[in-house]
C-alpha atoms as a PDB file:
ATOM      1  CA  MET A   1     -57.939  -4.272  54.950  1.00  0.00           C
ATOM      2  CA  ARG A   2     -56.705  -0.806  54.264  1.00  0.00           C
ATOM      3  CA  LYS A   3     -53.297  -1.946  55.305  1.00  0.00           C
ATOM      4  CA  LEU A   4     -53.251  -4.944  53.164  1.00  0.00           C
ATOM      5  CA  SER A   5     -53.853  -2.766  50.040  1.00  0.00           C
ATOM      6  CA  VAL A   6     -51.141  -0.712  51.033  1.00  0.00           C
ATOM      7  CA  LEU A   7     -48.814  -3.764  51.544  1.00  0.00           C
ATOM      8  CA  CYS A   8     -49.961  -5.142  48.194  1.00  0.00           C
ATOM      9  CA  ALA A   9     -49.185  -2.055  46.435  1.00  0.00           C
ATOM     10  CA  ALA A  10     -45.666  -2.011  48.072  1.00  0.00           C
ATOM     11  CA  LEU A  11     -44.763  -5.392  47.053  1.00  0.00           C
ATOM     12  CA  PHE A  12     -46.098  -4.737  43.361  1.00  0.00           C
ATOM     13  CA  CYS A  13     -43.962  -1.825  43.172  1.00  0.00           C
ATOM     14  CA  PHE A  14     -40.839  -4.001  44.445  1.00  0.00           C
ATOM     15  CA  SER A  15     -41.263  -6.455  42.068  1.00  0.00           C
ATOM     16  CA  LEU A  16     -41.458  -3.837  39.130  1.00  0.00           C
ATOM     17  CA  THR A  17     -38.414  -2.275  39.937  1.00  0.00           C
ATOM     18  CA  ALA A  18     -36.454  -5.878  40.458  1.00  0.00           C
ATOM     19  CA  SER A  19     -37.953  -6.980  37.079  1.00  0.00           C
ATOM     20  CA  ALA A  20     -36.783  -3.848  35.352  1.00  0.00           C
ATOM     21  CA  GLN A  21     -32.867  -4.295  36.822  1.00  0.00           C
ATOM     22  CA  ASP A  22     -32.838  -7.863  36.002  1.00  0.00           C
ATOM     23  CA  SER A  23     -33.861  -6.821  31.915  1.00  0.00           C
ATOM     24  CA  THR A  24     -31.484  -4.243  31.994  1.00  0.00           C
ATOM     25  CA  ALA A  25     -28.743  -6.438  33.078  1.00  0.00           C
ATOM     26  CA  ALA A  26     -29.629  -8.998  30.793  1.00  0.00           C
ATOM     27  CA  PHE A  27     -29.350  -6.275  27.831  1.00  0.00           C
ATOM     28  CA  ASP A  28     -25.940  -5.119  28.903  1.00  0.00           C
ATOM     29  CA  ALA A  29     -24.849  -8.696  28.880  1.00  0.00           C
ATOM     30  CA  SER A  30     -26.135  -9.589  25.388  1.00  0.00           C
ATOM     31  CA  ASN A  31     -24.527  -6.185  24.157  1.00  0.00           C
ATOM     32  CA  SER A  32     -21.286  -7.275  25.687  1.00  0.00           C
ATOM     33  CA  ALA A  33     -21.491 -10.463  24.101  1.00  0.00           C
ATOM     34  CA  SER A  34     -22.237  -9.067  20.683  1.00  0.00           C
ATOM     35  CA  GLU A  35     -19.370  -6.684  20.518  1.00  0.00           C
ATOM     36  CA  PRO A  36     -15.916  -8.242  19.383  1.00  0.00           C
ATOM     37  CA  ALA A  37     -12.883  -8.814  21.746  1.00  0.00           C
ATOM     38  CA  ALA A  38     -10.228  -6.392  21.427  1.00  0.00           C
ATOM     39  CA  ALA A  39      -7.182  -7.657  19.808  1.00  0.00           C
ATOM     40  CA  PRO A  40      -4.369  -8.471  21.706  1.00  0.00           C
ATOM     41  CA  ALA A  41      -1.746  -5.850  21.701  1.00  0.00           C
ATOM     42  CA  SER A  42       1.017  -8.296  20.463  1.00  0.00           C
ATOM     43  CA  LEU A  43      -1.292  -8.912  17.135  1.00  0.00           C
ATOM     44  CA  ILE A  44      -1.826  -5.256  16.228  1.00  0.00           C
ATOM     45  CA  PRO A  45       1.166  -4.300  13.944  1.00  0.00           C
ATOM     46  CA  ALA A  46       3.602  -1.658  15.025  1.00  0.00           C
ATOM     47  CA  ASP A  47       4.006   1.346  12.650  1.00  0.00           C
ATOM     48  CA  ARG A  48       7.414   1.980  11.100  1.00  0.00           C
ATOM     49  CA  GLU A  49       9.662   4.825  11.557  1.00  0.00           C
ATOM     50  CA  PRO A  50       9.277   7.537   8.915  1.00  0.00           C
ATOM     51  CA  TRP A  51      12.339   8.135   8.051  1.00  0.00           C
ATOM     52  CA  GLN A  52      15.152   5.851   6.668  1.00  0.00           C
ATOM     53  CA  LEU A  53      18.830   6.921   5.816  1.00  0.00           C
ATOM     54  CA  GLY A  54      21.416   4.580   3.591  1.00  0.00           C
ATOM     55  CA  VAL A  55      24.917   4.673   2.928  1.00  0.00           C
ATOM     56  CA  GLY A  56      26.691   2.192   1.159  1.00  0.00           C
ATOM     57  CA  PHE A  57      29.219   1.008  -1.490  1.00  0.00           C
ATOM     58  CA  GLN A  58      28.647   0.363  -5.080  1.00  0.00           C
ATOM     59  CA  TYR A  59      29.798  -1.554  -7.918  1.00  0.00           C
ATOM     60  CA  LEU A  60      28.731   0.014 -11.160  1.00  0.00           C
ATOM     61  CA  GLN A  61      29.322  -1.971 -14.875  1.00  0.00           C
ATOM     62  CA  PHE A  62      28.938   0.806 -17.843  1.00  0.00           C
ATOM     63  CA  ASN A  63      28.629   0.547 -21.505  1.00  0.00           C
ATOM     64  CA  VAL A  64      28.493   4.075 -22.986  1.00  0.00           C
ATOM     65  CA  LEU A  65      30.131   5.797 -25.749  1.00  0.00           C
ATOM     66  CA  GLY A  66      31.591   2.528 -27.259  1.00  0.00           C
ATOM     67  CA  LEU A  67      33.287   2.238 -23.762  1.00  0.00           C
ATOM     68  CA  LYS A  68      32.892  -0.646 -21.338  1.00  0.00           C
ATOM     69  CA  PHE A  69      34.147   0.191 -17.997  1.00  0.00           C
ATOM     70  CA  HIS A  70      33.396  -0.468 -14.439  1.00  0.00           C
ATOM     71  CA  ASP A  71      33.184   2.353 -11.348  1.00  0.00           C
ATOM     72  CA  PHE A  72      33.536   1.820  -7.955  1.00  0.00           C
ATOM     73  CA  GLY A  73      31.229   4.245  -6.071  1.00  0.00           C
ATOM     74  CA  TYR A  74      29.192   5.652  -3.045  1.00  0.00           C
ATOM     75  CA  GLN A  75      25.840   5.492  -2.547  1.00  0.00           C
ATOM     76  CA  ALA A  76      23.670   7.489  -0.212  1.00  0.00           C
ATOM     77  CA  ASP A  77      19.660   7.809  -0.201  1.00  0.00           C
ATOM     78  CA  VAL A  78      17.011   9.102   2.107  1.00  0.00           C
ATOM     79  CA  THR A  79      13.451   7.484   1.878  1.00  0.00           C
ATOM     80  CA  ARG A  80      10.317   8.858   3.706  1.00  0.00           C
ATOM     81  CA  TYR A  81       7.662   6.465   4.504  1.00  0.00           C
ATOM     82  CA  PHE A  82       4.056   7.355   4.475  1.00  0.00           C
ATOM     83  CA  ASN A  83       2.736   4.058   5.923  1.00  0.00           C
ATOM     84  CA  ASN A  84       4.170   0.672   6.422  1.00  0.00           C
ATOM     85  CA  TRP A  85       5.231  -0.121   2.769  1.00  0.00           C
ATOM     86  CA  PHE A  86       5.383   2.659   0.845  1.00  0.00           C
ATOM     87  CA  GLY A  87       7.855   5.635   0.413  1.00  0.00           C
ATOM     88  CA  ILE A  88       9.592   8.154  -1.649  1.00  0.00           C
ATOM     89  CA  GLU A  89      13.395   7.925  -2.072  1.00  0.00           C
ATOM     90  CA  GLY A  90      15.939  10.078  -3.249  1.00  0.00           C
ATOM     91  CA  THR A  91      19.280   8.514  -4.215  1.00  0.00           C
ATOM     92  CA  ALA A  92      22.740  10.135  -5.266  1.00  0.00           C
ATOM     93  CA  ILE A  93      25.692   7.778  -6.727  1.00  0.00           C
ATOM     94  CA  ALA A  94      28.868   8.879  -7.395  1.00  0.00           C
ATOM     95  CA  GLY A  95      31.459   6.576  -9.057  1.00  0.00           C
ATOM     96  CA  PHE A  96      35.045   6.698  -9.640  1.00  0.00           C
ATOM     97  CA  GLY A  97      36.964   4.396 -12.161  1.00  0.00           C
ATOM     98  CA  ASN A  98      38.823   3.923 -15.338  1.00  0.00           C
ATOM     99  CA  ALA A  99      37.700   3.283 -18.943  1.00  0.00           C
ATOM    100  CA  GLY A 100      40.758   1.700 -20.616  1.00  0.00           C
ATOM    101  CA  SER A 101      44.481   1.055 -20.243  1.00  0.00           C
ATOM    102  CA  ASN A 102      45.904   2.179 -23.528  1.00  0.00           C
ATOM    103  CA  PRO A 103      45.344   5.227 -23.479  1.00  0.00           C
ATOM    104  CA  HIS A 104      44.392   5.441 -19.897  1.00  0.00           C
ATOM    105  CA  ILE A 105      40.844   7.435 -19.365  1.00  0.00           C
ATOM    106  CA  ASP A 106      39.509   8.149 -15.964  1.00  0.00           C
ATOM    107  CA  ALA A 107      35.828   7.903 -15.716  1.00  0.00           C
ATOM    108  CA  LYS A 108      33.669   9.508 -13.180  1.00  0.00           C
ATOM    109  CA  SER A 109      29.901   9.013 -13.121  1.00  0.00           C
ATOM    110  CA  LEU A 110      27.188  10.756 -10.887  1.00  0.00           C
ATOM    111  CA  PHE A 111      23.567   9.680 -10.671  1.00  0.00           C
ATOM    112  CA  LEU A 112      20.793  11.704  -9.113  1.00  0.00           C
ATOM    113  CA  GLY A 113      17.000  10.962  -8.887  1.00  0.00           C
ATOM    114  CA  GLY A 114      14.163  10.123  -7.125  1.00  0.00           C
ATOM    115  CA  GLY A 115      10.670   7.744  -7.285  1.00  0.00           C
ATOM    116  CA  PRO A 116       9.028   5.109  -4.903  1.00  0.00           C
ATOM    117  CA  HIS A 117      10.483   2.821  -2.726  1.00  0.00           C
ATOM    118  CA  ILE A 118       8.169  -0.453  -1.743  1.00  0.00           C
ATOM    119  CA  SER A 119       8.923  -2.728   0.915  1.00  0.00           C
ATOM    120  CA  LEU A 120       7.510  -5.675   2.810  1.00  0.00           C
ATOM    121  CA  HIS A 121       7.565  -4.364   6.568  1.00  0.00           C
ATOM    122  CA  ASN A 122       7.490  -6.859   9.205  1.00  0.00           C
ATOM    123  CA  SER A 123       8.737  -7.834  12.664  1.00  0.00           C
ATOM    124  CA  ASN A 124      10.901 -10.428  11.205  1.00  0.00           C
ATOM    125  CA  HIS A 125      14.788  -9.996  10.493  1.00  0.00           C
ATOM    126  CA  PHE A 126      14.332  -9.628   6.705  1.00  0.00           C
ATOM    127  CA  GLU A 127      12.727  -6.814   4.709  1.00  0.00           C
ATOM    128  CA  PRO A 128      12.803  -7.189   1.011  1.00  0.00           C
ATOM    129  CA  TRP A 129      11.807  -4.134  -1.205  1.00  0.00           C
ATOM    130  CA  VAL A 130      11.862  -2.782  -4.423  1.00  0.00           C
ATOM    131  CA  HIS A 131      12.385   0.757  -6.094  1.00  0.00           C
ATOM    132  CA  VAL A 132      11.781   2.718  -9.717  1.00  0.00           C
ATOM    133  CA  ILE A 133      14.150   5.790  -9.772  1.00  0.00           C
ATOM    134  CA  ALA A 134      13.833   8.362 -12.128  1.00  0.00           C
ATOM    135  CA  GLY A 135      16.605  10.786 -12.591  1.00  0.00           C
ATOM    136  CA  TRP A 136      19.928  12.485 -14.309  1.00  0.00           C
ATOM    137  CA  GLU A 137      23.279  10.426 -15.202  1.00  0.00           C
ATOM    138  CA  ARG A 138      26.690  12.207 -15.738  1.00  0.00           C
ATOM    139  CA  PHE A 139      29.757  11.152 -17.320  1.00  0.00           C
ATOM    140  CA  ARG A 140      33.129  13.173 -17.075  1.00  0.00           C
ATOM    141  CA  PHE A 141      36.285  11.484 -18.488  1.00  0.00           C
ATOM    142  CA  THR A 142      39.864  12.820 -18.817  1.00  0.00           C
ATOM    143  CA  GLN A 143      40.204  12.551 -22.402  1.00  0.00           C
ATOM    144  CA  SER A 144      38.140  16.120 -23.139  1.00  0.00           C
ATOM    145  CA  ALA A 145      38.767  16.211 -26.514  1.00  0.00           C
ATOM    146  CA  THR A 146      37.210  12.801 -27.261  1.00  0.00           C
ATOM    147  CA  PHE A 147      34.516  11.866 -24.828  1.00  0.00           C
ATOM    148  CA  GLY A 148      34.740  14.877 -22.540  1.00  0.00           C
ATOM    149  CA  SER A 149      31.513  15.204 -20.120  1.00  0.00           C
ATOM    150  CA  ASN A 150      27.954  13.996 -21.113  1.00  0.00           C
ATOM    151  CA  SER A 151      25.056  13.742 -19.323  1.00  0.00           C
ATOM    152  CA  HIS A 152      21.314  12.589 -19.863  1.00  0.00           C
ATOM    153  CA  ALA A 153      17.863  11.561 -18.422  1.00  0.00           C
ATOM    154  CA  ALA A 154      18.168   8.150 -16.774  1.00  0.00           C
ATOM    155  CA  PHE A 155      16.496   5.627 -14.658  1.00  0.00           C
ATOM    156  CA  LEU A 156      17.382   3.100 -12.032  1.00  0.00           C
ATOM    157  CA  ALA A 157      15.231   0.059 -11.290  1.00  0.00           C
ATOM    158  CA  GLY A 158      16.233  -2.728  -8.888  1.00  0.00           C
ATOM    159  CA  ALA A 159      15.435  -4.405  -5.664  1.00  0.00           C
ATOM    160  CA  GLY A 160      17.209  -5.312  -2.332  1.00  0.00           C
ATOM    161  CA  LEU A 161      17.048  -6.933   0.981  1.00  0.00           C
ATOM    162  CA  ASP A 162      17.748  -5.413   4.488  1.00  0.00           C
ATOM    163  CA  TYR A 163      18.574  -7.501   7.735  1.00  0.00           C
ATOM    164  CA  LYS A 164      17.965  -6.187  10.943  1.00  0.00           C
ATOM    165  CA  ILE A 165      20.763  -5.804  13.053  1.00  0.00           C
ATOM    166  CA  GLY A 166      19.692  -7.013  16.767  1.00  0.00           C
ATOM    167  CA  SER A 167      16.355  -5.630  17.573  1.00  0.00           C
ATOM    168  CA  GLY A 168      17.483  -1.742  16.773  1.00  0.00           C
ATOM    169  CA  ARG A 169      16.786   0.330  13.893  1.00  0.00           C
ATOM    170  CA  LEU A 170      20.122  -0.344  12.255  1.00  0.00           C
ATOM    171  CA  TYR A 171      19.787  -2.520   9.207  1.00  0.00           C
ATOM    172  CA  TRP A 172      22.566  -4.345   6.875  1.00  0.00           C
ATOM    173  CA  ARG A 173      21.671  -3.982   3.106  1.00  0.00           C
ATOM    174  CA  VAL A 174      22.449  -5.563  -0.479  1.00  0.00           C
ATOM    175  CA  GLN A 175      20.760  -4.430  -3.611  1.00  0.00           C
ATOM    176  CA  GLY A 176      21.098  -4.998  -7.349  1.00  0.00           C
ATOM    177  CA  ASP A 177      20.129  -2.208 -10.117  1.00  0.00           C
ATOM    178  CA  PHE A 178      19.402  -1.875 -13.626  1.00  0.00           C
ATOM    179  CA  LEU A 179      20.616   1.746 -14.918  1.00  0.00           C
ATOM    180  CA  GLY A 180      19.563   3.140 -18.085  1.00  0.00           C
ATOM    181  CA  THR A 181      20.468   5.877 -19.973  1.00  0.00           C
ATOM    182  CA  ASN A 182      20.653   7.579 -23.369  1.00  0.00           C
ATOM    183  CA  VAL A 183      24.344   8.957 -22.979  1.00  0.00           C
ATOM    184  CA  GLY A 184      26.021   8.815 -26.572  1.00  0.00           C
ATOM    185  CA  PRO A 185      24.065   7.781 -29.728  1.00  0.00           C
ATOM    186  CA  THR A 186      22.125   4.723 -28.198  1.00  0.00           C
ATOM    187  CA  PHE A 187      20.337   3.352 -25.184  1.00  0.00           C
ATOM    188  CA  SER A 188      22.897   1.931 -23.032  1.00  0.00           C
ATOM    189  CA  LYS A 189      22.244  -0.785 -20.324  1.00  0.00           C
ATOM    190  CA  ASN A 190      24.003  -0.850 -17.197  1.00  0.00           C
ATOM    191  CA  TYR A 191      24.124  -2.480 -13.902  1.00  0.00           C
ATOM    192  CA  SER A 192      25.338  -1.892 -10.333  1.00  0.00           C
ATOM    193  CA  PHE A 193      25.466  -3.982  -7.106  1.00  0.00           C
ATOM    194  CA  GLY A 194      25.999  -2.617  -3.723  1.00  0.00           C
ATOM    195  CA  THR A 195      25.963  -3.019   0.168  1.00  0.00           C
ATOM    196  CA  GLY A 196      25.824  -0.722   2.920  1.00  0.00           C
ATOM    197  CA  LEU A 197      23.886   0.329   6.275  1.00  0.00           C
ATOM    198  CA  VAL A 198      20.535   1.492   6.778  1.00  0.00           C
ATOM    199  CA  LEU A 199      19.326   3.547   9.788  1.00  0.00           C
ATOM    200  CA  ASN A 200      15.411   3.932  10.627  1.00  0.00           C
ATOM    201  CA  PHE A 201      14.227   6.881  12.578  1.00  0.00           C
END
C-alpha cells in the first residue's frame, strides 16, 4: 500500500510538470502571434546621402536700372540634408553678358544665398524639389559713370527635377527660378533657367 501511494504521488508530480510545460508553450505561441511580423527589408526606405553637390549652367534674364538684358552664367550649390526630404542649401550664381549694343555695356552679376531645400526623395529615377533662397545680388557694369556697381538684398525661389543616371549617385538636373531684388529705384523681377549635374555623397 505504501509503494502504491509513492507511485501515485510521483505520477501526480509528473502530470503537473507536463501541464505547466504545455501552458508555457501555449503562452509563448499566443505572444508570438500577437506581435506584428517584421517588415521585409525591401519595404524599409533607405536613407539618402546627407550631402548634395551641384554644378551647372544658367540663363539669366534681368530687368534692372532701366536695362533689360540677359547673362549666361555658372551655378554651384551645396545642400546638407537632415532627413530624406529636408535640407539647407547654399547657392552661388555668377553671370556674364552685355546690356546693350549702343553703347556696348558689359554686365556681370553675382548672387549668393542660402535657404531651405525640400525634395520628394524616392527610389525612382525622378526626384522633384523646390527651394527658397535668401541672399544678396550684385551687378557690375562697364559704364561706371552711369550704372557702376549696384548690390542689394535678393531672393531666389523656384523648382527643379533631378533624374538619376543609372543606379549611382549622379543626377542630371533641370530647374527654373524667380529672382527678386531691389537694385535700382523699384523692385525688379528676374528669371533664370538652368541645367547641370548633381552628386549625392
